[in-house]
């Protein structure tokens, strides 16, 4: 008999249940994690179609590996390890780095509390665009640790596991990323 697959189950329990054949468990797992995974890819690649393709590939890998899944770490660590590997494979194939234009779909909606104040909404949109531009300008290693923290809500240790680095390196990259983002936002706000 399968464990309860409702919202009270952990992701690890859901994946274990899915590995035993519980399709509802997979549906809940997918529902919980699809948006963060997509945003991670979107912010790494800056292309909606590529982000969708990568997210699809990651979920296929999860499905194909369900029989061998062992809950050694948080499911999100497992999921974003696959996502990281997918990106590494892609960029190895490209073998050159190139800039990709940031389009409007990349910019998130303004918080609902500013909907009644068009001036505040416009200001928030501009700040969001500036922040997203600053995130894109971060070196790839800093951008990745920042996005794994912000999008996947992974701890420093979990990020270190995902990218196969030591926690001190991750902390350093995170410090530099946050410092650059703060400085960039301060510069933007002082204009």
N, C-alpha and C. Protein backbone atom coordinates (compact mmCIF):
# COMPACT_ATOMS: atom_id res chain seq x y z
N UNK A 1 0.85 -1.19 0.00
CA UNK A 1 0.00 0.00 0.00
C UNK A 1 0.88 1.24 0.00
N UNK A 2 0.53 2.23 -0.82
CA UNK A 2 1.32 3.44 -0.93
C UNK A 2 1.09 4.37 0.26
N UNK A 3 2.13 5.12 0.60
CA UNK A 3 1.99 6.14 1.64
C UNK A 3 1.10 7.25 1.11
N UNK A 4 0.64 8.09 2.01
CA UNK A 4 -0.20 9.23 1.64
C UNK A 4 0.57 10.14 0.68
N UNK A 5 0.00 10.44 -0.48
CA UNK A 5 0.69 11.29 -1.47
C UNK A 5 0.16 12.71 -1.45
N UNK A 6 -0.53 13.08 -0.40
CA UNK A 6 -1.04 14.44 -0.33
C UNK A 6 0.10 15.39 0.01
N UNK A 7 -0.24 16.64 0.16
CA UNK A 7 0.74 17.69 0.38
C UNK A 7 1.58 17.49 1.63
N UNK A 8 1.16 16.64 2.54
CA UNK A 8 1.92 16.43 3.77
C UNK A 8 3.13 15.52 3.57
N UNK A 9 3.19 14.81 2.48
CA UNK A 9 4.32 13.93 2.21
C UNK A 9 5.51 14.75 1.74
N UNK A 10 6.70 14.31 2.14
CA UNK A 10 7.90 14.99 1.66
C UNK A 10 8.15 14.59 0.21
N UNK A 11 8.99 15.38 -0.46
CA UNK A 11 9.35 15.05 -1.83
C UNK A 11 10.03 13.68 -1.90
N UNK A 12 10.84 13.39 -0.90
CA UNK A 12 11.54 12.10 -0.87
C UNK A 12 10.54 10.94 -0.76
N UNK A 13 9.51 11.11 0.06
CA UNK A 13 8.47 10.08 0.18
C UNK A 13 7.70 9.93 -1.13
N UNK A 14 7.42 11.07 -1.76
CA UNK A 14 6.71 11.02 -3.04
C UNK A 14 7.52 10.29 -4.09
N UNK A 15 8.82 10.57 -4.17
CA UNK A 15 9.66 9.91 -5.16
C UNK A 15 9.77 8.42 -4.86
N UNK A 16 9.89 8.08 -3.60
CA UNK A 16 9.92 6.66 -3.23
C UNK A 16 8.62 5.97 -3.62
N UNK A 17 7.51 6.63 -3.35
CA UNK A 17 6.21 6.06 -3.72
C UNK A 17 6.08 5.93 -5.24
N UNK A 18 6.58 6.94 -5.95
CA UNK A 18 6.55 6.87 -7.41
C UNK A 18 7.40 5.70 -7.90
N UNK A 19 8.54 5.48 -7.28
CA UNK A 19 9.40 4.36 -7.70
C UNK A 19 8.70 3.02 -7.49
N UNK A 20 7.70 3.01 -6.61
CA UNK A 20 6.91 1.80 -6.36
C UNK A 20 5.67 1.73 -7.25
N UNK A 21 5.50 2.74 -8.12
CA UNK A 21 4.39 2.69 -9.07
C UNK A 21 3.25 3.66 -8.81
N UNK A 22 3.36 4.54 -7.82
CA UNK A 22 2.30 5.47 -7.49
C UNK A 22 2.39 6.71 -8.40
N UNK A 23 1.56 6.75 -9.45
CA UNK A 23 1.60 7.85 -10.40
C UNK A 23 1.13 9.17 -9.79
N UNK A 24 0.20 9.12 -8.85
CA UNK A 24 -0.26 10.34 -8.18
C UNK A 24 0.89 10.99 -7.42
N UNK A 25 1.78 10.19 -6.89
CA UNK A 25 2.95 10.73 -6.18
C UNK A 25 3.83 11.52 -7.15
N UNK A 26 4.03 10.99 -8.36
CA UNK A 26 4.82 11.72 -9.35
C UNK A 26 4.14 13.02 -9.73
N UNK A 27 2.83 12.97 -9.93
CA UNK A 27 2.09 14.19 -10.29
C UNK A 27 2.31 15.28 -9.25
N UNK A 28 2.23 14.93 -7.98
CA UNK A 28 2.42 15.91 -6.90
C UNK A 28 3.87 16.41 -6.88
N UNK A 29 4.81 15.52 -7.07
CA UNK A 29 6.23 15.87 -7.10
C UNK A 29 6.52 16.84 -8.25
N UNK A 30 5.98 16.54 -9.39
CA UNK A 30 6.15 17.40 -10.57
C UNK A 30 5.52 18.77 -10.32
N UNK A 31 4.31 18.76 -9.79
CA UNK A 31 3.60 20.01 -9.52
C UNK A 31 4.39 20.90 -8.55
N UNK A 32 4.99 20.33 -7.54
CA UNK A 32 5.74 21.09 -6.54
C UNK A 32 7.03 21.69 -7.08
N UNK A 33 7.67 21.02 -8.02
CA UNK A 33 9.03 21.39 -8.40
C UNK A 33 9.19 21.94 -9.81
N UNK A 34 8.15 21.87 -10.64
CA UNK A 34 8.31 22.24 -12.05
C UNK A 34 8.66 23.71 -12.23
N UNK A 35 8.04 24.61 -11.49
CA UNK A 35 8.27 26.05 -11.68
C UNK A 35 9.70 26.45 -11.31
N UNK A 36 10.19 25.97 -10.18
CA UNK A 36 11.56 26.32 -9.77
C UNK A 36 12.58 25.77 -10.76
N UNK A 37 12.36 24.57 -11.25
CA UNK A 37 13.27 23.97 -12.22
C UNK A 37 13.27 24.77 -13.52
N UNK A 38 12.10 25.13 -13.99
CA UNK A 38 12.00 25.92 -15.22
C UNK A 38 12.69 27.28 -15.06
N UNK A 39 12.42 27.97 -13.93
CA UNK A 39 13.05 29.28 -13.70
C UNK A 39 14.57 29.15 -13.63
N UNK A 40 15.05 28.10 -13.02
CA UNK A 40 16.50 27.87 -12.95
C UNK A 40 17.08 27.80 -14.37
N UNK A 41 16.47 27.01 -15.22
CA UNK A 41 16.96 26.88 -16.60
C UNK A 41 16.78 28.18 -17.38
N UNK A 42 15.66 28.85 -17.18
CA UNK A 42 15.41 30.09 -17.89
C UNK A 42 16.47 31.13 -17.54
N UNK A 43 16.81 31.23 -16.29
CA UNK A 43 17.79 32.22 -15.87
C UNK A 43 19.22 31.80 -16.22
N UNK A 44 19.44 30.53 -16.43
CA UNK A 44 20.77 30.08 -16.85
C UNK A 44 20.95 30.21 -18.36
N UNK A 45 19.91 29.91 -19.13
CA UNK A 45 20.03 29.90 -20.59
C UNK A 45 19.49 31.17 -21.24
N UNK A 46 18.55 31.83 -20.56
CA UNK A 46 17.89 33.04 -21.08
C UNK A 46 17.07 32.78 -22.33
N UNK A 47 16.66 31.54 -22.54
CA UNK A 47 15.82 31.18 -23.68
C UNK A 47 14.69 30.29 -23.18
N UNK A 48 13.46 30.75 -23.36
CA UNK A 48 12.30 30.00 -22.86
C UNK A 48 12.22 28.60 -23.47
N UNK A 49 12.42 28.49 -24.77
CA UNK A 49 12.31 27.18 -25.43
C UNK A 49 13.38 26.22 -24.92
N UNK A 50 14.58 26.72 -24.74
CA UNK A 50 15.67 25.88 -24.24
C UNK A 50 15.41 25.48 -22.78
N UNK A 51 14.89 26.41 -21.99
CA UNK A 51 14.55 26.10 -20.60
C UNK A 51 13.50 25.00 -20.53
N UNK A 52 12.50 25.08 -21.39
CA UNK A 52 11.47 24.04 -21.43
C UNK A 52 12.06 22.70 -21.85
N UNK A 53 12.94 22.73 -22.83
CA UNK A 53 13.57 21.51 -23.31
C UNK A 53 14.40 20.85 -22.20
N UNK A 54 15.18 21.67 -21.50
CA UNK A 54 16.00 21.13 -20.41
C UNK A 54 15.14 20.59 -19.28
N UNK A 55 14.09 21.33 -18.91
CA UNK A 55 13.20 20.86 -17.84
C UNK A 55 12.58 19.52 -18.23
N UNK A 56 12.15 19.41 -19.48
CA UNK A 56 11.58 18.16 -19.97
C UNK A 56 12.61 17.03 -19.86
N UNK A 57 13.85 17.32 -20.26
CA UNK A 57 14.91 16.32 -20.20
C UNK A 57 15.16 15.86 -18.76
N UNK A 58 15.16 16.79 -17.82
CA UNK A 58 15.38 16.44 -16.42
C UNK A 58 14.27 15.53 -15.92
N UNK A 59 13.01 15.87 -16.23
CA UNK A 59 11.90 15.03 -15.77
C UNK A 59 11.96 13.65 -16.42
N UNK A 60 12.39 13.58 -17.68
CA UNK A 60 12.57 12.26 -18.30
C UNK A 60 13.63 11.44 -17.59
N UNK A 61 14.72 12.10 -17.20
CA UNK A 61 15.78 11.41 -16.46
C UNK A 61 15.29 10.93 -15.10
N UNK A 62 14.46 11.74 -14.44
CA UNK A 62 13.89 11.33 -13.16
C UNK A 62 13.01 10.10 -13.36
N UNK A 63 12.17 10.13 -14.39
CA UNK A 63 11.29 9.00 -14.69
C UNK A 63 12.11 7.74 -14.98
N UNK A 64 13.14 7.89 -15.81
CA UNK A 64 13.96 6.73 -16.18
C UNK A 64 14.78 6.18 -15.02
N UNK A 65 15.06 7.02 -14.02
CA UNK A 65 15.88 6.58 -12.89
C UNK A 65 15.05 6.21 -11.66
N UNK A 66 13.74 6.17 -11.81
CA UNK A 66 12.89 5.97 -10.63
C UNK A 66 13.16 4.66 -9.91
N UNK A 67 13.50 3.60 -10.64
CA UNK A 67 13.74 2.30 -10.00
C UNK A 67 15.02 2.29 -9.16
N UNK A 68 15.97 3.16 -9.52
CA UNK A 68 17.24 3.17 -8.80
C UNK A 68 17.33 4.31 -7.78
N UNK A 69 16.27 5.08 -7.62
CA UNK A 69 16.29 6.22 -6.71
C UNK A 69 16.45 5.76 -5.26
N UNK A 70 17.41 6.38 -4.57
CA UNK A 70 17.59 6.16 -3.14
C UNK A 70 17.61 7.53 -2.47
N UNK A 71 16.76 7.74 -1.47
CA UNK A 71 16.69 9.07 -0.84
C UNK A 71 17.89 9.35 0.07
N UNK A 72 19.06 9.60 -0.54
CA UNK A 72 20.27 9.89 0.22
C UNK A 72 20.33 11.35 0.63
N UNK A 73 19.65 12.21 -0.10
CA UNK A 73 19.63 13.65 0.16
C UNK A 73 18.23 14.16 -0.15
N UNK A 74 18.03 15.45 0.02
CA UNK A 74 16.73 16.02 -0.34
C UNK A 74 16.47 15.77 -1.82
N UNK A 75 15.22 15.57 -2.17
CA UNK A 75 14.87 15.34 -3.57
C UNK A 75 15.30 16.53 -4.43
N UNK A 76 15.15 17.75 -3.92
CA UNK A 76 15.53 18.90 -4.72
C UNK A 76 17.03 18.89 -5.03
N UNK A 77 17.83 18.39 -4.10
CA UNK A 77 19.27 18.26 -4.38
C UNK A 77 19.48 17.29 -5.53
N UNK A 78 18.77 16.18 -5.48
CA UNK A 78 18.83 15.16 -6.54
C UNK A 78 18.37 15.77 -7.88
N UNK A 79 17.25 16.48 -7.85
CA UNK A 79 16.68 17.06 -9.06
C UNK A 79 17.62 18.10 -9.68
N UNK A 80 18.17 18.97 -8.85
CA UNK A 80 19.04 20.02 -9.38
C UNK A 80 20.44 19.51 -9.71
N UNK A 81 20.82 18.36 -9.17
CA UNK A 81 22.06 17.72 -9.63
C UNK A 81 21.87 17.27 -11.08
N UNK A 82 20.73 16.70 -11.38
CA UNK A 82 20.42 16.30 -12.76
C UNK A 82 20.37 17.55 -13.65
N UNK A 83 19.74 18.62 -13.15
CA UNK A 83 19.65 19.86 -13.92
C UNK A 83 21.05 20.42 -14.21
N UNK A 84 21.88 20.44 -13.19
CA UNK A 84 23.26 20.93 -13.36
C UNK A 84 23.99 20.10 -14.42
N UNK A 85 23.87 18.78 -14.34
CA UNK A 85 24.53 17.90 -15.31
C UNK A 85 24.02 18.15 -16.73
N UNK A 86 22.74 18.42 -16.84
CA UNK A 86 22.13 18.71 -18.14
C UNK A 86 22.75 19.99 -18.73
N UNK A 87 22.91 21.01 -17.91
CA UNK A 87 23.53 22.25 -18.37
C UNK A 87 25.00 22.04 -18.75
N UNK A 88 25.72 21.31 -17.91
CA UNK A 88 27.13 21.05 -18.18
C UNK A 88 27.28 20.33 -19.52
N UNK A 89 26.45 19.33 -19.74
CA UNK A 89 26.47 18.60 -21.02
C UNK A 89 26.20 19.54 -22.19
N UNK A 90 25.22 20.39 -22.03
CA UNK A 90 24.85 21.32 -23.10
C UNK A 90 26.00 22.28 -23.42
N UNK A 91 26.59 22.87 -22.39
CA UNK A 91 27.64 23.86 -22.62
C UNK A 91 28.93 23.20 -23.11
N UNK A 92 29.14 21.96 -22.75
CA UNK A 92 30.29 21.23 -23.31
C UNK A 92 30.10 21.07 -24.81
N UNK A 93 28.87 20.75 -25.21
CA UNK A 93 28.60 20.57 -26.64
C UNK A 93 28.80 21.88 -27.40
N UNK A 94 28.39 22.97 -26.79
CA UNK A 94 28.55 24.27 -27.44
C UNK A 94 30.03 24.67 -27.52
N UNK A 95 30.74 24.36 -26.46
CA UNK A 95 32.17 24.64 -26.30
C UNK A 95 32.55 26.10 -26.42
N UNK A 96 31.60 26.95 -26.68
CA UNK A 96 31.86 28.38 -26.64
C UNK A 96 30.72 29.06 -25.89
N UNK A 97 31.06 30.10 -25.20
CA UNK A 97 30.06 30.85 -24.46
C UNK A 97 29.54 31.98 -25.34
N UNK A 98 28.24 32.19 -25.32
CA UNK A 98 27.68 33.31 -26.08
C UNK A 98 26.55 33.95 -25.31
N UNK A 99 26.37 35.22 -25.55
CA UNK A 99 25.30 35.95 -24.90
C UNK A 99 23.99 35.69 -25.63
N UNK A 100 22.94 35.59 -24.87
CA UNK A 100 21.61 35.38 -25.43
C UNK A 100 20.75 36.52 -24.95
N UNK A 101 19.96 37.06 -25.83
CA UNK A 101 19.12 38.20 -25.49
C UNK A 101 18.09 37.82 -24.44
N UNK A 102 17.87 38.73 -23.53
CA UNK A 102 16.86 38.54 -22.48
C UNK A 102 15.55 39.13 -22.96
N UNK A 103 14.53 38.32 -23.11
CA UNK A 103 13.25 38.80 -23.60
C UNK A 103 12.27 39.07 -22.49
N UNK A 104 11.15 39.63 -22.84
CA UNK A 104 10.11 39.97 -21.87
C UNK A 104 9.59 38.78 -21.07
N UNK A 105 9.45 37.56 -21.65
CA UNK A 105 8.90 36.47 -20.85
C UNK A 105 9.74 36.15 -19.63
N UNK A 106 11.01 36.56 -19.65
CA UNK A 106 11.91 36.29 -18.56
C UNK A 106 11.57 37.13 -17.33
N UNK A 107 10.94 38.25 -17.52
CA UNK A 107 10.66 39.17 -16.43
C UNK A 107 9.39 38.74 -15.71
N UNK A 108 9.51 38.55 -14.40
CA UNK A 108 8.37 38.08 -13.62
C UNK A 108 7.36 39.20 -13.38
N UNK A 109 6.15 38.81 -13.09
CA UNK A 109 5.09 39.79 -12.83
C UNK A 109 5.39 40.56 -11.55
N UNK A 110 4.93 41.78 -11.50
CA UNK A 110 5.10 42.63 -10.33
C UNK A 110 4.22 42.09 -9.21
N UNK A 111 4.67 42.24 -7.99
CA UNK A 111 3.89 41.77 -6.83
C UNK A 111 2.49 42.36 -6.87
N UNK A 112 1.53 41.57 -6.47
CA UNK A 112 0.12 41.98 -6.58
C UNK A 112 -0.20 43.20 -5.73
N UNK A 113 0.57 43.45 -4.67
CA UNK A 113 0.24 44.59 -3.81
C UNK A 113 0.49 45.94 -4.49
N UNK A 114 1.22 45.97 -5.60
CA UNK A 114 1.44 47.24 -6.28
C UNK A 114 0.48 47.42 -7.46
N UNK A 115 -0.45 46.49 -7.64
CA UNK A 115 -1.38 46.55 -8.76
C UNK A 115 -2.28 47.79 -8.69
N UNK A 116 -2.58 48.26 -7.48
CA UNK A 116 -3.43 49.43 -7.33
C UNK A 116 -2.68 50.75 -7.56
N UNK A 117 -1.36 50.69 -7.58
CA UNK A 117 -0.54 51.89 -7.72
C UNK A 117 0.33 51.75 -8.97
N UNK A 118 -0.12 52.28 -10.12
CA UNK A 118 0.62 52.11 -11.37
C UNK A 118 2.05 52.64 -11.31
N UNK A 119 2.26 53.74 -10.56
CA UNK A 119 3.61 54.30 -10.45
C UNK A 119 4.54 53.34 -9.70
N UNK A 120 4.05 52.76 -8.60
CA UNK A 120 4.84 51.78 -7.84
C UNK A 120 5.08 50.53 -8.68
N UNK A 121 4.05 50.11 -9.42
CA UNK A 121 4.20 48.92 -10.27
C UNK A 121 5.28 49.15 -11.33
N UNK A 122 5.29 50.33 -11.93
CA UNK A 122 6.31 50.64 -12.95
C UNK A 122 7.69 50.65 -12.32
N UNK A 123 7.81 51.22 -11.12
CA UNK A 123 9.10 51.24 -10.42
C UNK A 123 9.58 49.83 -10.09
N UNK A 124 8.66 48.99 -9.60
CA UNK A 124 9.03 47.61 -9.27
C UNK A 124 9.47 46.85 -10.51
N UNK A 125 8.79 47.07 -11.63
CA UNK A 125 9.15 46.40 -12.87
C UNK A 125 10.56 46.79 -13.30
N UNK A 126 10.87 48.08 -13.18
CA UNK A 126 12.21 48.55 -13.55
C UNK A 126 13.27 47.94 -12.64
N UNK A 127 13.00 47.86 -11.35
CA UNK A 127 13.95 47.25 -10.41
C UNK A 127 14.12 45.77 -10.72
N UNK A 128 13.02 45.08 -11.01
CA UNK A 128 13.11 43.67 -11.37
C UNK A 128 13.96 43.47 -12.61
N UNK A 129 13.75 44.31 -13.61
CA UNK A 129 14.54 44.20 -14.84
C UNK A 129 16.01 44.45 -14.56
N UNK A 130 16.29 45.45 -13.74
CA UNK A 130 17.68 45.74 -13.39
C UNK A 130 18.31 44.55 -12.66
N UNK A 131 17.57 43.97 -11.71
CA UNK A 131 18.10 42.83 -10.96
C UNK A 131 18.32 41.63 -11.87
N UNK A 132 17.39 41.35 -12.74
CA UNK A 132 17.55 40.22 -13.66
C UNK A 132 18.75 40.44 -14.59
N UNK A 133 18.93 41.67 -15.03
CA UNK A 133 20.08 41.99 -15.88
C UNK A 133 21.38 41.77 -15.10
N UNK A 134 21.39 42.20 -13.83
CA UNK A 134 22.57 42.02 -12.99
C UNK A 134 22.86 40.53 -12.75
N UNK A 135 21.81 39.74 -12.55
CA UNK A 135 21.99 38.29 -12.37
C UNK A 135 22.60 37.70 -13.63
N UNK A 136 22.13 38.12 -14.80
CA UNK A 136 22.66 37.61 -16.06
C UNK A 136 24.12 37.98 -16.25
N UNK A 137 24.53 39.12 -15.71
CA UNK A 137 25.89 39.59 -15.88
C UNK A 137 26.88 38.93 -14.92
N UNK A 138 26.37 38.21 -13.92
CA UNK A 138 27.27 37.51 -13.00
C UNK A 138 28.08 36.46 -13.76
N UNK A 139 29.31 36.20 -13.34
CA UNK A 139 30.05 35.07 -13.92
C UNK A 139 29.22 33.79 -13.73
N UNK A 140 29.35 32.86 -14.65
CA UNK A 140 28.51 31.65 -14.66
C UNK A 140 28.52 30.90 -13.32
N UNK A 141 29.69 30.77 -12.70
CA UNK A 141 29.80 30.02 -11.44
C UNK A 141 29.03 30.72 -10.32
N UNK A 142 29.12 32.05 -10.28
CA UNK A 142 28.40 32.81 -9.26
C UNK A 142 26.90 32.78 -9.52
N UNK A 143 26.52 32.93 -10.79
CA UNK A 143 25.09 32.91 -11.15
C UNK A 143 24.48 31.56 -10.78
N UNK A 144 25.21 30.48 -11.03
CA UNK A 144 24.66 29.17 -10.74
C UNK A 144 24.41 28.97 -9.25
N UNK A 145 25.37 29.30 -8.39
CA UNK A 145 25.15 29.10 -6.95
C UNK A 145 24.04 30.02 -6.44
N UNK A 146 23.99 31.24 -6.97
CA UNK A 146 22.93 32.16 -6.56
C UNK A 146 21.56 31.61 -6.94
N UNK A 147 21.42 31.11 -8.16
CA UNK A 147 20.13 30.58 -8.61
C UNK A 147 19.76 29.29 -7.90
N UNK A 148 20.74 28.44 -7.61
CA UNK A 148 20.43 27.22 -6.86
C UNK A 148 19.93 27.56 -5.46
N UNK A 149 20.45 28.62 -4.88
CA UNK A 149 19.98 29.06 -3.57
C UNK A 149 18.59 29.68 -3.67
N UNK A 150 18.43 30.60 -4.62
CA UNK A 150 17.18 31.34 -4.73
C UNK A 150 16.04 30.53 -5.36
N UNK A 151 16.32 29.78 -6.41
CA UNK A 151 15.27 29.04 -7.11
C UNK A 151 14.99 27.68 -6.49
N UNK A 152 16.04 26.98 -6.12
CA UNK A 152 15.86 25.63 -5.59
C UNK A 152 15.84 25.61 -4.07
N UNK A 153 16.18 26.74 -3.46
CA UNK A 153 16.21 26.86 -2.00
C UNK A 153 17.13 25.81 -1.37
N UNK A 154 18.27 25.57 -2.02
CA UNK A 154 19.23 24.61 -1.51
C UNK A 154 20.18 25.28 -0.52
N UNK A 155 20.66 24.50 0.44
CA UNK A 155 21.64 25.00 1.39
C UNK A 155 23.01 25.04 0.72
N UNK A 156 23.97 25.67 1.37
CA UNK A 156 25.34 25.75 0.85
C UNK A 156 25.89 24.34 0.64
N UNK A 157 25.66 23.45 1.58
CA UNK A 157 26.15 22.07 1.48
C UNK A 157 25.50 21.33 0.32
N UNK A 158 24.20 21.56 0.13
CA UNK A 158 23.50 20.91 -0.98
C UNK A 158 23.97 21.44 -2.32
N UNK A 159 24.21 22.75 -2.39
CA UNK A 159 24.73 23.33 -3.63
C UNK A 159 26.11 22.75 -3.93
N UNK A 160 26.94 22.64 -2.89
CA UNK A 160 28.28 22.06 -3.05
C UNK A 160 28.17 20.65 -3.62
N UNK A 161 27.22 19.89 -3.13
CA UNK A 161 27.01 18.52 -3.64
C UNK A 161 26.57 18.54 -5.10
N UNK A 162 25.67 19.44 -5.45
CA UNK A 162 25.15 19.52 -6.82
C UNK A 162 26.26 19.86 -7.81
N UNK A 163 27.11 20.84 -7.47
CA UNK A 163 28.11 21.30 -8.43
C UNK A 163 29.48 20.69 -8.20
N UNK A 164 29.57 19.74 -7.28
CA UNK A 164 30.82 19.04 -6.98
C UNK A 164 31.96 19.98 -6.61
N UNK A 165 31.66 20.88 -5.69
CA UNK A 165 32.65 21.81 -5.14
C UNK A 165 32.59 21.73 -3.63
N UNK A 166 33.59 22.28 -2.96
CA UNK A 166 33.53 22.26 -1.50
C UNK A 166 32.67 23.44 -1.03
N UNK A 167 32.09 23.32 0.16
CA UNK A 167 31.19 24.36 0.67
C UNK A 167 31.85 25.73 0.77
N UNK A 168 33.14 25.80 1.06
CA UNK A 168 33.82 27.10 1.15
C UNK A 168 33.84 27.81 -0.20
N UNK A 169 34.04 27.04 -1.26
CA UNK A 169 34.02 27.62 -2.61
C UNK A 169 32.64 28.15 -2.92
N UNK A 170 31.61 27.40 -2.55
CA UNK A 170 30.23 27.83 -2.78
C UNK A 170 29.95 29.11 -1.99
N UNK A 171 30.36 29.14 -0.71
CA UNK A 171 30.14 30.34 0.11
C UNK A 171 30.82 31.55 -0.52
N UNK A 172 32.04 31.36 -1.00
CA UNK A 172 32.78 32.44 -1.62
C UNK A 172 32.06 32.96 -2.87
N UNK A 173 31.63 32.03 -3.72
CA UNK A 173 30.91 32.43 -4.92
C UNK A 173 29.62 33.16 -4.58
N UNK A 174 28.93 32.68 -3.55
CA UNK A 174 27.68 33.31 -3.12
C UNK A 174 27.95 34.72 -2.61
N UNK A 175 29.00 34.88 -1.79
CA UNK A 175 29.35 36.21 -1.27
C UNK A 175 29.63 37.18 -2.41
N UNK A 176 30.43 36.75 -3.38
CA UNK A 176 30.75 37.62 -4.51
C UNK A 176 29.50 37.96 -5.32
N UNK A 177 28.64 36.96 -5.52
CA UNK A 177 27.41 37.20 -6.29
C UNK A 177 26.53 38.22 -5.58
N UNK A 178 26.32 38.03 -4.29
CA UNK A 178 25.45 38.95 -3.53
C UNK A 178 26.07 40.34 -3.50
N UNK A 179 27.37 40.41 -3.32
CA UNK A 179 28.05 41.72 -3.30
C UNK A 179 27.86 42.45 -4.63
N UNK A 180 28.06 41.73 -5.74
CA UNK A 180 27.90 42.35 -7.06
C UNK A 180 26.46 42.79 -7.30
N UNK A 181 25.51 41.97 -6.87
CA UNK A 181 24.11 42.33 -7.06
C UNK A 181 23.73 43.55 -6.23
N UNK A 182 24.20 43.60 -4.97
CA UNK A 182 23.91 44.75 -4.11
C UNK A 182 24.52 46.02 -4.69
N UNK A 183 25.78 45.93 -5.10
CA UNK A 183 26.46 47.10 -5.68
C UNK A 183 25.75 47.56 -6.95
N UNK A 184 25.37 46.60 -7.79
CA UNK A 184 24.68 46.94 -9.02
C UNK A 184 23.33 47.60 -8.77
N UNK A 185 22.58 47.10 -7.78
CA UNK A 185 21.29 47.69 -7.46
C UNK A 185 21.46 49.09 -6.85
N UNK A 186 22.48 49.24 -6.00
CA UNK A 186 22.74 50.57 -5.43
C UNK A 186 23.06 51.57 -6.52
N UNK A 187 23.88 51.15 -7.47
CA UNK A 187 24.23 52.02 -8.59
C UNK A 187 22.98 52.37 -9.40
N UNK A 188 22.14 51.35 -9.65
CA UNK A 188 20.90 51.58 -10.41
C UNK A 188 19.99 52.57 -9.68
N UNK A 189 19.86 52.38 -8.36
CA UNK A 189 18.95 53.22 -7.57
C UNK A 189 19.47 54.66 -7.45
N UNK A 190 20.78 54.85 -7.58
CA UNK A 190 21.33 56.20 -7.42
C UNK A 190 21.25 57.01 -8.70
N UNK A 191 20.78 56.42 -9.78
CA UNK A 191 20.66 57.15 -11.07
C UNK A 191 19.55 58.14 -11.04
